[in-house]
């Protein structure tokens, strides 16, 4: 066991690559004893004398037992991810070998890292602010081009820079108003109220835009739920299979084939649409299992962002479709009507039969015709267009809640300026606004909040 010098933090270790068999596994250490621990296990050379950002090949041995031939990467603090001394060991991808290396590091004084502890140390050491740290988790979890682009922009400080500029300007005016309080007997104004009012109005505009972006940000991060609803044998499962371009659901001429909901994901222009194929909805059924499926279908329909109502163009009247669409729109879902089997009576006849309806598409799910129009409508009605790489999109609910409080504080400051309230009251409102901005960036935070945020990270990051 290595004796740690006074003032050193714990040195942590974890597997940074996914567990399982692979070509290479990467084990990461961070802390004051990281280099010393690996130096005691590394046979080839004295790593303590080697410069930062260098690679070294050699054997990892514990006592007389050779574990693996590895590549050791050295990153000396503060020029490392965490700001501390960091070592990365690239070993062979055997789970047994990886476990042996981890155990050897623990035997020499390291401890297994908690989820997100490397990034938490990067935050605590000033390498990242809290918005950037949270964006790291978003980037790891990203599964579309849109979510990757948004997370990467925030890691590079896009959102942080907007908040920093606003915070610095508010601090400047706060200092000037505080200065006025020191000279209250002189009745002087150091803070230009006109310029301050212009700043507040600009900040309100920026904050409103950020709040409005959360709707799109939530879509980019979590996707859009789409319930495929219709009567039995309308073609719901065939539509799901056609949209996915695979035979995901069982298709049969027998009514009530789908007994439970089936969920799959469709990527349209970088946005994930979670398609939910539901049991056919009909009023009369004696099958207990089918009835349970119908009940689940109704639950999914109520919670979905979008409803695709599919119907057989031959078996429904215009009046019946109008009644159904009015009932579906009562839930405030986005509704797209899909007339299936239009190839049997022709698109022209279907269009004439159901003229006057908005967001209606005539398709043949079986023959894969009209499907692109459905995809285009799904995208345009929910997203319309993706943001550019320079747009800041709020994707985090914590940020959204804090921005709401920032907006309230800015409104109070504006009201105070228009009513010419005393400087000490203005200073209170400014401090409250700065408090909520600082909550977002992590300039002020409590340990419980930080533990909650970083506990959602994977171990090794």
Protein backbone atom coordinates (compact mmCIF):
# COMPACT_ATOMS: atom_id res chain seq x y z
CA UNK A 1 0.00 0.00 0.00
CA UNK A 2 1.43 3.38 -1.00
CA UNK A 3 1.38 6.04 1.69
CA UNK A 4 -0.28 9.15 0.33
CA UNK A 5 1.38 12.48 0.99
CA UNK A 6 -0.49 15.06 3.04
CA UNK A 7 -2.95 17.07 0.96
CA UNK A 8 -3.41 14.46 -1.78
CA UNK A 9 -6.93 13.51 -2.71
CA UNK A 10 -7.90 9.88 -3.13
CA UNK A 11 -6.63 8.39 -6.36
CA UNK A 12 -9.48 6.79 -8.26
CA UNK A 13 -9.46 4.05 -10.89
CA UNK A 14 -12.09 2.65 -13.24
CA UNK A 15 -12.58 0.92 -16.55
CA UNK A 16 -13.25 3.69 -19.09
CA UNK A 17 -14.37 1.42 -21.94
CA UNK A 18 -17.54 -0.72 -21.95
CA UNK A 19 -17.25 -4.02 -20.06
CA UNK A 20 -16.98 -7.14 -22.15
CA UNK A 21 -14.58 -8.77 -24.60
CA UNK A 22 -12.90 -6.44 -27.10
CA UNK A 23 -9.59 -5.70 -28.73
CA UNK A 24 -8.57 -3.11 -26.15
CA UNK A 25 -9.76 -2.00 -22.73
CA UNK A 26 -8.80 1.36 -21.23
CA UNK A 27 -8.34 1.76 -17.48
CA UNK A 28 -8.11 5.30 -16.14
CA UNK A 29 -6.62 6.64 -12.91
CA UNK A 30 -6.78 10.19 -11.56
CA UNK A 31 -5.26 11.70 -8.44
CA UNK A 32 -2.05 12.66 -6.74
CA UNK A 33 -0.79 9.08 -6.49
CA UNK A 34 -1.78 7.99 -10.02
CA UNK A 35 1.76 8.05 -11.46
CA UNK A 36 3.29 6.52 -8.34
CA UNK A 37 0.76 3.65 -8.32
CA UNK A 38 1.37 2.72 -11.95
CA UNK A 39 5.11 3.22 -11.59
CA UNK A 40 5.09 0.50 -8.92
CA UNK A 41 3.39 -1.89 -11.37
CA UNK A 42 5.10 -0.89 -14.63
CA UNK A 43 8.29 -2.81 -15.40
CA UNK A 44 9.73 -1.08 -18.48
CA UNK A 45 10.83 2.33 -17.16
CA UNK A 46 10.50 4.98 -14.46
CA UNK A 47 7.31 6.85 -15.38
CA UNK A 48 7.92 9.53 -12.75
CA UNK A 49 10.73 10.94 -14.90
CA UNK A 50 8.72 10.96 -18.14
CA UNK A 51 7.06 14.11 -19.49
CA UNK A 52 3.33 14.64 -19.75
CA UNK A 53 1.36 13.56 -22.82
CA UNK A 54 3.66 10.66 -23.66
CA UNK A 55 3.01 6.96 -24.32
CA UNK A 56 5.03 4.06 -22.94
CA UNK A 57 4.95 0.32 -23.73
CA UNK A 58 5.75 -2.27 -21.10
CA UNK A 59 4.54 -5.01 -18.76
CA UNK A 60 2.16 -4.56 -15.85
CA UNK A 61 3.30 -6.86 -13.03
CA UNK A 62 2.06 -7.35 -9.50
CA UNK A 63 4.91 -8.75 -7.43
CA UNK A 64 6.28 -11.57 -9.65
CA UNK A 65 3.09 -12.09 -11.65
CA UNK A 66 2.93 -10.60 -15.17
CA UNK A 67 -0.60 -9.41 -15.96
CA UNK A 68 -0.43 -7.88 -19.45
CA UNK A 69 1.65 -5.93 -21.92
CA UNK A 70 0.12 -2.47 -22.07
CA UNK A 71 0.48 1.08 -23.34
CA UNK A 72 0.53 3.69 -20.56
CA UNK A 73 -0.48 7.29 -21.35
CA UNK A 74 0.66 10.04 -18.97
CA UNK A 75 -1.26 13.31 -18.50
CA UNK A 76 0.16 15.45 -15.73
CA UNK A 77 -2.06 17.99 -13.99
CA UNK A 78 -3.26 20.62 -14.51
CA UNK A 79 -3.11 19.80 -18.26
CA UNK A 80 -5.40 16.78 -18.06
CA UNK A 81 -9.11 16.04 -18.24
CA UNK A 82 -9.58 16.18 -14.48
CA UNK A 83 -6.88 18.76 -13.74
CA UNK A 84 -5.04 16.10 -11.69
CA UNK A 85 -2.39 13.59 -12.71
CA UNK A 86 -4.16 11.13 -15.01
CA UNK A 87 -2.93 7.76 -16.24
CA UNK A 88 -4.66 5.72 -18.93
CA UNK A 89 -3.71 2.07 -19.38
CA UNK A 90 -4.55 0.49 -22.72
CA UNK A 91 -4.58 -3.24 -22.07
CA UNK A 92 -5.99 -6.20 -23.96
CA UNK A 93 -9.77 -6.46 -23.96
CA UNK A 94 -10.14 -9.62 -21.87
CA UNK A 95 -12.50 -8.97 -18.92
CA UNK A 96 -10.20 -11.14 -16.77
CA UNK A 97 -7.12 -9.09 -17.70
CA UNK A 98 -8.95 -5.81 -17.08
CA UNK A 99 -10.08 -7.03 -13.67
CA UNK A 100 -6.54 -8.08 -12.75
CA UNK A 101 -5.16 -4.63 -13.66
CA UNK A 102 -7.93 -2.91 -11.67
CA UNK A 103 -7.27 -5.10 -8.62
CA UNK A 104 -3.54 -4.42 -8.82
CA UNK A 105 -4.21 -0.66 -8.80
CA UNK A 106 -6.54 -1.03 -5.81
CA UNK A 107 -3.94 -3.11 -3.96
CA UNK A 108 -1.47 -0.24 -4.45
CA UNK A 109 -3.77 2.36 -2.95
CA UNK A 110 -6.33 3.45 -5.54
CA UNK A 111 -10.06 3.12 -4.99
CA UNK A 112 -12.77 2.32 -7.53
CA UNK A 113 -14.32 5.51 -8.89
CA UNK A 114 -17.97 6.37 -8.42
CA UNK A 115 -20.16 7.09 -11.48
CA UNK A 116 -19.11 10.37 -13.08
CA UNK A 117 -16.32 11.01 -10.58
CA UNK A 118 -13.67 11.83 -13.22
CA UNK A 119 -15.91 14.51 -14.74
CA UNK A 120 -16.91 15.70 -11.27
CA UNK A 121 -13.23 16.27 -10.47
CA UNK A 122 -12.84 18.12 -13.77
CA UNK A 123 -15.68 20.42 -12.67
CA UNK A 124 -14.35 20.90 -9.13
CA UNK A 125 -10.88 21.69 -10.53
CA UNK A 126 -12.26 24.31 -12.91
CA UNK A 127 -11.67 22.40 -16.15
CA UNK A 128 -15.39 22.50 -16.98
CA UNK A 129 -18.37 24.40 -15.65
CA UNK A 130 -21.48 22.46 -14.71
CA UNK A 131 -23.26 23.00 -18.04
CA UNK A 132 -20.23 21.65 -19.90
CA UNK A 133 -19.97 18.68 -17.52
CA UNK A 134 -23.63 17.82 -18.06
CA UNK A 135 -23.10 18.13 -21.82
CA UNK A 136 -20.43 15.41 -21.53
CA UNK A 137 -23.13 13.01 -20.32
CA UNK A 138 -25.42 14.17 -23.13
CA UNK A 139 -22.70 13.52 -25.71
CA UNK A 140 -22.10 10.01 -24.37
CA UNK A 141 -25.84 9.33 -24.55
CA UNK A 142 -26.33 10.96 -27.97
CA UNK A 143 -27.70 8.65 -30.65
CA UNK A 144 -28.49 11.07 -33.47
CA UNK A 145 -26.61 13.77 -35.37
CA UNK A 146 -28.81 16.46 -33.78
CA UNK A 147 -28.20 15.34 -30.18
CA UNK A 148 -24.47 14.93 -30.87
CA UNK A 149 -24.20 18.40 -32.40
CA UNK A 150 -26.09 20.07 -29.54
CA UNK A 151 -24.07 18.32 -26.82
CA UNK A 152 -20.73 19.03 -28.51
CA UNK A 153 -21.54 22.73 -28.89
CA UNK A 154 -22.36 22.96 -25.19
CA UNK A 155 -19.18 21.10 -24.21
CA UNK A 156 -17.24 23.71 -26.16
CA UNK A 157 -18.90 26.39 -24.04
CA UNK A 158 -21.67 27.73 -26.28
CA UNK A 159 -24.33 27.91 -23.55
CA UNK A 160 -21.77 28.81 -20.88
CA UNK A 161 -20.51 31.80 -22.87
CA UNK A 162 -24.00 33.32 -23.13
CA UNK A 163 -24.49 32.97 -19.37
CA UNK A 164 -20.98 34.28 -18.63
CA UNK A 165 -21.53 37.48 -20.64
CA UNK A 166 -24.87 38.11 -18.92
CA UNK A 167 -23.43 37.35 -15.49
CA UNK A 168 -20.42 39.65 -15.97
CA UNK A 169 -22.63 42.54 -17.12
CA UNK A 170 -25.00 42.11 -14.18
CA UNK A 171 -22.07 41.96 -11.73
CA UNK A 172 -20.70 45.21 -13.17
CA UNK A 173 -24.00 47.04 -12.68
CA UNK A 174 -24.47 45.44 -9.28
CA UNK A 175 -21.08 46.76 -8.18
CA UNK A 176 -21.94 50.28 -9.37
CA UNK A 177 -25.28 50.22 -7.54
CA UNK A 178 -23.57 48.94 -4.39
CA UNK A 179 -21.13 51.83 -4.76
CA UNK A 180 -24.06 54.25 -4.86
CA UNK A 181 -25.21 52.89 -1.50
CA UNK A 182 -21.82 53.79 0.00
CA UNK A 183 -22.39 57.38 -1.16
CA UNK A 184 -26.10 57.55 -0.35
CA UNK A 185 -25.65 60.87 1.43
CA UNK A 186 -24.21 62.41 -1.73
CA UNK A 187 -27.25 61.47 -3.88
CA UNK A 188 -25.14 60.38 -6.88
CA UNK A 189 -25.70 57.68 -9.54
CA UNK A 190 -22.78 55.63 -10.78
CA UNK A 191 -24.92 53.12 -12.70
CA UNK A 192 -26.42 54.53 -15.90
CA UNK A 193 -30.09 53.54 -15.55
CA UNK A 194 -30.75 53.89 -19.29
CA UNK A 195 -27.92 51.51 -20.22
CA UNK A 196 -28.94 49.17 -17.43
CA UNK A 197 -32.51 49.05 -18.74
CA UNK A 198 -31.19 48.24 -22.24
CA UNK A 199 -29.12 45.41 -20.77
CA UNK A 200 -32.12 43.98 -18.93
CA UNK A 201 -34.29 44.09 -22.07
CA UNK A 202 -31.56 42.33 -24.05
CA UNK A 203 -31.18 39.74 -21.29
CA UNK A 204 -34.94 39.16 -21.26
CA UNK A 205 -34.89 38.51 -25.02
CA UNK A 206 -32.00 36.07 -24.69
CA UNK A 207 -33.60 34.26 -21.75
CA UNK A 208 -36.93 33.96 -23.58
CA UNK A 209 -35.20 32.48 -26.64
CA UNK A 210 -33.38 29.96 -24.45
CA UNK A 211 -36.62 28.98 -22.72
CA UNK A 212 -38.40 28.59 -26.05
CA UNK A 213 -35.58 26.38 -27.34
CA UNK A 214 -36.27 23.82 -24.60
CA UNK A 215 -39.21 22.36 -26.52
CA UNK A 216 -36.91 21.51 -29.42
CA UNK A 217 -34.13 20.52 -27.02
CA UNK A 218 -36.39 18.03 -25.31
CA UNK A 219 -37.28 16.57 -28.72
CA UNK A 220 -33.60 16.30 -29.69
CA UNK A 221 -32.70 14.63 -26.40
CA UNK A 222 -35.70 12.36 -25.77
CA UNK A 223 -37.38 11.97 -29.16
CA UNK A 224 -41.08 12.10 -30.03
CA UNK A 225 -43.62 9.44 -29.12
CA UNK A 226 -45.94 8.46 -31.97
CA UNK A 227 -48.96 6.23 -31.35
CA UNK A 228 -50.30 4.34 -34.37
CA UNK A 229 -54.03 4.07 -33.72
CA UNK A 230 -56.85 2.53 -35.71
CA UNK A 231 -59.45 -0.19 -35.95
CA UNK A 232 -58.44 -3.85 -36.28
CA UNK A 233 -57.08 -4.70 -39.73
CA UNK A 234 -56.68 -1.04 -40.72
CA UNK A 235 -52.99 -1.72 -41.45
CA UNK A 236 -51.28 -0.44 -38.29
CA UNK A 237 -48.68 -3.22 -38.10
CA UNK A 238 -48.07 -3.08 -41.84
CA UNK A 239 -47.49 0.68 -41.55
CA UNK A 240 -45.02 0.13 -38.68
CA UNK A 241 -43.12 -2.47 -40.71
CA UNK A 242 -43.06 -0.21 -43.77
CA UNK A 243 -41.84 2.84 -41.83
CA UNK A 244 -39.06 0.74 -40.25
CA UNK A 245 -38.37 -1.16 -43.48
CA UNK A 246 -38.40 -4.44 -41.58
CA UNK A 247 -40.92 -7.06 -40.45
CA UNK A 248 -41.12 -6.00 -36.83
CA UNK A 249 -44.82 -6.72 -36.18
CA UNK A 250 -46.88 -9.74 -37.13
CA UNK A 251 -49.28 -9.00 -39.98
CA UNK A 252 -52.42 -11.06 -40.47
CA UNK A 253 -55.86 -10.79 -42.00
CA UNK A 254 -57.27 -11.98 -38.66
CA UNK A 255 -58.68 -9.04 -36.68
CA UNK A 256 -57.01 -8.41 -33.32
CA UNK A 257 -53.62 -9.94 -34.16
CA UNK A 258 -51.75 -7.24 -32.17
CA UNK A 259 -52.57 -7.86 -28.50
CA UNK A 260 -49.97 -5.60 -26.87
CA UNK A 261 -48.10 -2.43 -27.79
CA UNK A 262 -44.91 -2.77 -29.84
CA UNK A 263 -42.38 0.06 -29.66
CA UNK A 264 -39.59 0.80 -32.14
CA UNK A 265 -37.49 3.84 -33.01
CA UNK A 266 -37.40 5.61 -36.39
CA UNK A 267 -34.72 8.21 -37.18
CA UNK A 268 -35.96 11.03 -39.43
CA UNK A 269 -33.40 13.75 -40.21
CA UNK A 270 -31.58 13.13 -36.93
CA UNK A 271 -34.69 13.14 -34.72
CA UNK A 272 -35.88 9.95 -33.03
CA UNK A 273 -39.55 9.08 -33.39
CA UNK A 274 -40.65 6.34 -30.98
CA UNK A 275 -43.31 4.46 -32.91
CA UNK A 276 -45.90 2.59 -30.86
CA UNK A 277 -47.96 0.00 -32.69
CA UNK A 278 -51.14 -0.51 -30.66
CA UNK A 279 -53.89 -3.09 -30.50
CA UNK A 280 -56.77 -2.35 -32.82
CA UNK A 281 -59.51 -0.32 -31.10
CA UNK A 282 -63.03 -1.67 -31.42
CA UNK A 283 -66.03 -1.34 -29.15
CA UNK A 284 -67.10 -4.98 -28.98
CA UNK A 285 -64.70 -7.77 -28.12
CA UNK A 286 -65.12 -10.88 -25.99
CA UNK A 287 -61.39 -11.65 -25.90
CA UNK A 288 -60.02 -10.69 -22.46
CA UNK A 289 -56.42 -10.39 -23.72
CA UNK A 290 -57.51 -8.19 -26.63
CA UNK A 291 -59.48 -5.98 -24.23
CA UNK A 292 -56.34 -5.45 -22.12
CA UNK A 293 -54.45 -4.57 -25.32
CA UNK A 294 -57.14 -2.04 -26.28
CA UNK A 295 -56.92 -0.44 -22.83
CA UNK A 296 -53.15 -0.08 -23.18
CA UNK A 297 -53.63 1.42 -26.65
CA UNK A 298 -55.88 4.12 -25.20
CA UNK A 299 -53.30 4.90 -22.49
CA UNK A 300 -50.50 5.20 -25.06
CA UNK A 301 -52.68 7.41 -27.24
CA UNK A 302 -53.27 9.89 -24.40
CA UNK A 303 -49.58 10.21 -23.57
CA UNK A 304 -48.25 10.31 -27.16
CA UNK A 305 -46.94 13.50 -28.75
CA UNK A 306 -48.33 12.50 -32.15
CA UNK A 307 -51.19 10.23 -33.20
CA UNK A 308 -51.14 8.50 -36.55
CA UNK A 309 -54.76 7.47 -37.08
CA UNK A 310 -54.86 4.91 -39.85
CA UNK A 311 -58.12 3.83 -41.51
CA UNK A 312 -59.26 1.73 -44.43
CA UNK A 313 -60.43 4.22 -47.08
CA UNK A 314 -63.08 1.74 -48.24
CA UNK A 315 -64.71 1.17 -44.86
CA UNK A 316 -65.21 4.63 -43.36
CA UNK A 317 -67.38 7.59 -44.28
CA UNK A 318 -66.31 11.22 -44.28
CA UNK A 319 -68.71 11.94 -41.41
CA UNK A 320 -67.34 9.08 -39.32
CA UNK A 321 -63.76 10.20 -39.91
CA UNK A 322 -64.69 13.76 -38.90
CA UNK A 323 -66.22 12.51 -35.66
CA UNK A 324 -63.15 10.37 -34.88
CA UNK A 325 -60.65 13.15 -35.64
CA UNK A 326 -62.57 15.65 -33.47
CA UNK A 327 -62.50 13.18 -30.58
CA UNK A 328 -58.77 12.48 -31.01
CA UNK A 329 -57.90 16.19 -31.11
CA UNK A 330 -59.52 16.68 -27.69
CA UNK A 331 -56.26 15.34 -26.15
CA UNK A 332 -54.26 18.16 -27.81
CA UNK A 333 -52.04 15.65 -29.60
CA UNK A 334 -50.71 16.38 -33.07
CA UNK A 335 -52.96 14.32 -35.34
CA UNK A 336 -52.08 12.89 -38.76
CA UNK A 337 -54.77 11.00 -40.65
CA UNK A 338 -53.65 8.12 -42.85
CA UNK A 339 -55.99 6.59 -45.40
CA UNK A 340 -54.65 3.11 -46.08
CA UNK A 341 -55.34 0.78 -49.03
CA UNK A 342 -55.73 3.80 -51.30
CA UNK A 343 -54.22 1.72 -54.12
CA UNK A 344 -57.48 -0.25 -54.28
CA UNK A 345 -59.75 2.75 -54.99
CA UNK A 346 -57.02 5.12 -56.34
CA UNK A 347 -55.63 8.25 -54.68
CA UNK A 348 -57.89 10.48 -56.75
CA UNK A 349 -61.06 8.80 -55.48
CA UNK A 350 -59.77 8.83 -51.89
CA UNK A 351 -58.87 12.53 -52.11
CA UNK A 352 -62.33 13.36 -53.48
CA UNK A 353 -64.07 11.25 -50.82
CA UNK A 354 -62.26 12.92 -47.91
CA UNK A 355 -61.69 16.45 -49.18
CA UNK A 356 -61.50 19.22 -46.58
CA UNK A 357 -59.32 17.35 -44.04
CA UNK A 358 -55.95 18.75 -42.97
CA UNK A 359 -52.87 16.56 -42.46
CA UNK A 360 -54.27 13.58 -44.32
CA UNK A 361 -52.19 11.15 -46.37
CA UNK A 362 -53.37 8.39 -48.67
CA UNK A 363 -51.03 5.43 -48.73
CA UNK A 364 -50.66 1.76 -49.44
CA UNK A 365 -48.72 0.38 -46.50
CA UNK A 366 -48.55 -2.98 -48.24
CA UNK A 367 -47.06 -1.53 -51.45
CA UNK A 368 -44.92 1.09 -49.69
CA UNK A 369 -46.50 4.06 -51.50
CA UNK A 370 -47.08 7.44 -49.86
CA UNK A 371 -44.81 6.59 -46.90
CA UNK A 372 -42.33 9.41 -47.55
CA UNK A 373 -45.18 11.90 -47.23
CA UNK A 374 -46.02 10.51 -43.79
CA UNK A 375 -42.38 10.83 -42.67
CA UNK A 376 -42.17 14.40 -43.96
CA UNK A 377 -45.34 15.35 -42.09
CA UNK A 378 -44.05 13.77 -38.88
CA UNK A 379 -40.90 15.88 -39.09
CA UNK A 380 -42.46 19.17 -40.22
CA UNK A 381 -45.34 19.13 -37.74
CA UNK A 382 -43.07 18.46 -34.75
CA UNK A 383 -39.65 19.90 -35.59
CA UNK A 384 -39.87 21.74 -38.93
CA UNK A 385 -36.13 22.42 -39.15
CA UNK A 386 -33.03 21.55 -37.19
CA UNK A 387 -30.93 24.27 -35.54
CA UNK A 388 -27.61 25.33 -37.01
CA UNK A 389 -24.39 24.31 -35.32
CA UNK A 390 -24.12 27.77 -33.75
CA UNK A 391 -27.54 27.72 -32.05
CA UNK A 392 -27.72 27.16 -28.31
CA UNK A 393 -30.47 24.68 -27.51
CA UNK A 394 -31.51 24.04 -23.90
CA UNK A 395 -31.92 20.28 -23.43
CA UNK A 396 -31.63 20.02 -19.64
CA UNK A 397 -34.72 20.32 -17.41
CA UNK A 398 -32.59 21.70 -14.56
CA UNK A 399 -31.35 24.51 -16.77
CA UNK A 400 -34.90 25.22 -17.95
CA UNK A 401 -36.23 25.56 -14.39
CA UNK A 402 -33.39 27.88 -13.39
CA UNK A 403 -33.87 30.01 -16.53
CA UNK A 404 -37.51 30.46 -15.59
CA UNK A 405 -36.36 31.97 -12.29
CA UNK A 406 -33.81 34.13 -14.15
CA UNK A 407 -36.64 35.50 -16.29
CA UNK A 408 -38.77 36.29 -13.21
CA UNK A 409 -35.82 38.11 -11.63
CA UNK A 410 -35.15 40.11 -14.81
CA UNK A 411 -38.82 41.13 -14.96
CA UNK A 412 -38.60 42.31 -11.34
CA UNK A 413 -35.48 44.34 -12.14
CA UNK A 414 -37.20 45.94 -15.14
CA UNK A 415 -40.23 46.78 -13.01
CA UNK A 416 -37.98 48.25 -10.35
CA UNK A 417 -36.20 50.44 -12.91
CA UNK A 418 -39.48 51.73 -14.35
CA UNK A 419 -40.75 52.52 -10.84
CA UNK A 420 -37.41 54.13 -9.87
CA UNK A 421 -37.04 51.97 -6.75
CA UNK A 422 -34.07 52.60 -4.46
CA UNK A 423 -30.71 51.07 -5.33
CA UNK A 424 -30.72 48.65 -2.39
CA UNK A 425 -33.90 46.98 -3.69
CA UNK A 426 -32.49 46.81 -7.21
CA UNK A 427 -29.35 45.21 -5.80
CA UNK A 428 -31.45 42.47 -4.16
CA UNK A 429 -33.16 41.60 -7.45
CA UNK A 430 -29.80 41.55 -9.27
CA UNK A 431 -28.33 39.21 -6.64
CA UNK A 432 -31.32 36.88 -7.02
CA UNK A 433 -30.86 36.82 -10.79
CA UNK A 434 -27.13 36.13 -10.41
CA UNK A 435 -27.96 33.32 -7.97
CA UNK A 436 -30.02 31.41 -10.55
CA UNK A 437 -27.47 31.98 -13.34
CA UNK A 438 -24.76 30.66 -11.03
CA UNK A 439 -26.90 27.61 -10.22
CA UNK A 440 -26.86 26.69 -13.90
CA UNK A 441 -23.11 27.05 -14.35
CA UNK A 442 -22.27 25.55 -10.96
CA UNK A 443 -20.61 28.67 -9.54
CA UNK A 444 -22.84 28.00 -6.56
CA UNK A 445 -24.04 24.48 -5.84
CA UNK A 446 -24.51 22.08 -2.98
CA UNK A 447 -23.02 18.64 -2.61
CA UNK A 448 -26.37 16.82 -2.91
CA UNK A 449 -27.11 18.44 -6.28
CA UNK A 450 -23.65 17.59 -7.60
CA UNK A 451 -23.90 13.99 -6.39
CA UNK A 452 -27.27 13.63 -8.12
CA UNK A 453 -26.03 15.11 -11.41
CA UNK A 454 -22.84 13.04 -11.62
CA UNK A 455 -24.45 9.82 -10.38
CA UNK A 456 -26.20 9.61 -13.76
CA UNK A 457 -22.84 9.34 -15.57
CA UNK A 458 -21.26 6.00 -16.43
CA UNK A 459 -18.40 4.74 -14.27
CA UNK A 460 -15.05 5.71 -15.77
CA UNK A 461 -16.20 9.10 -17.09
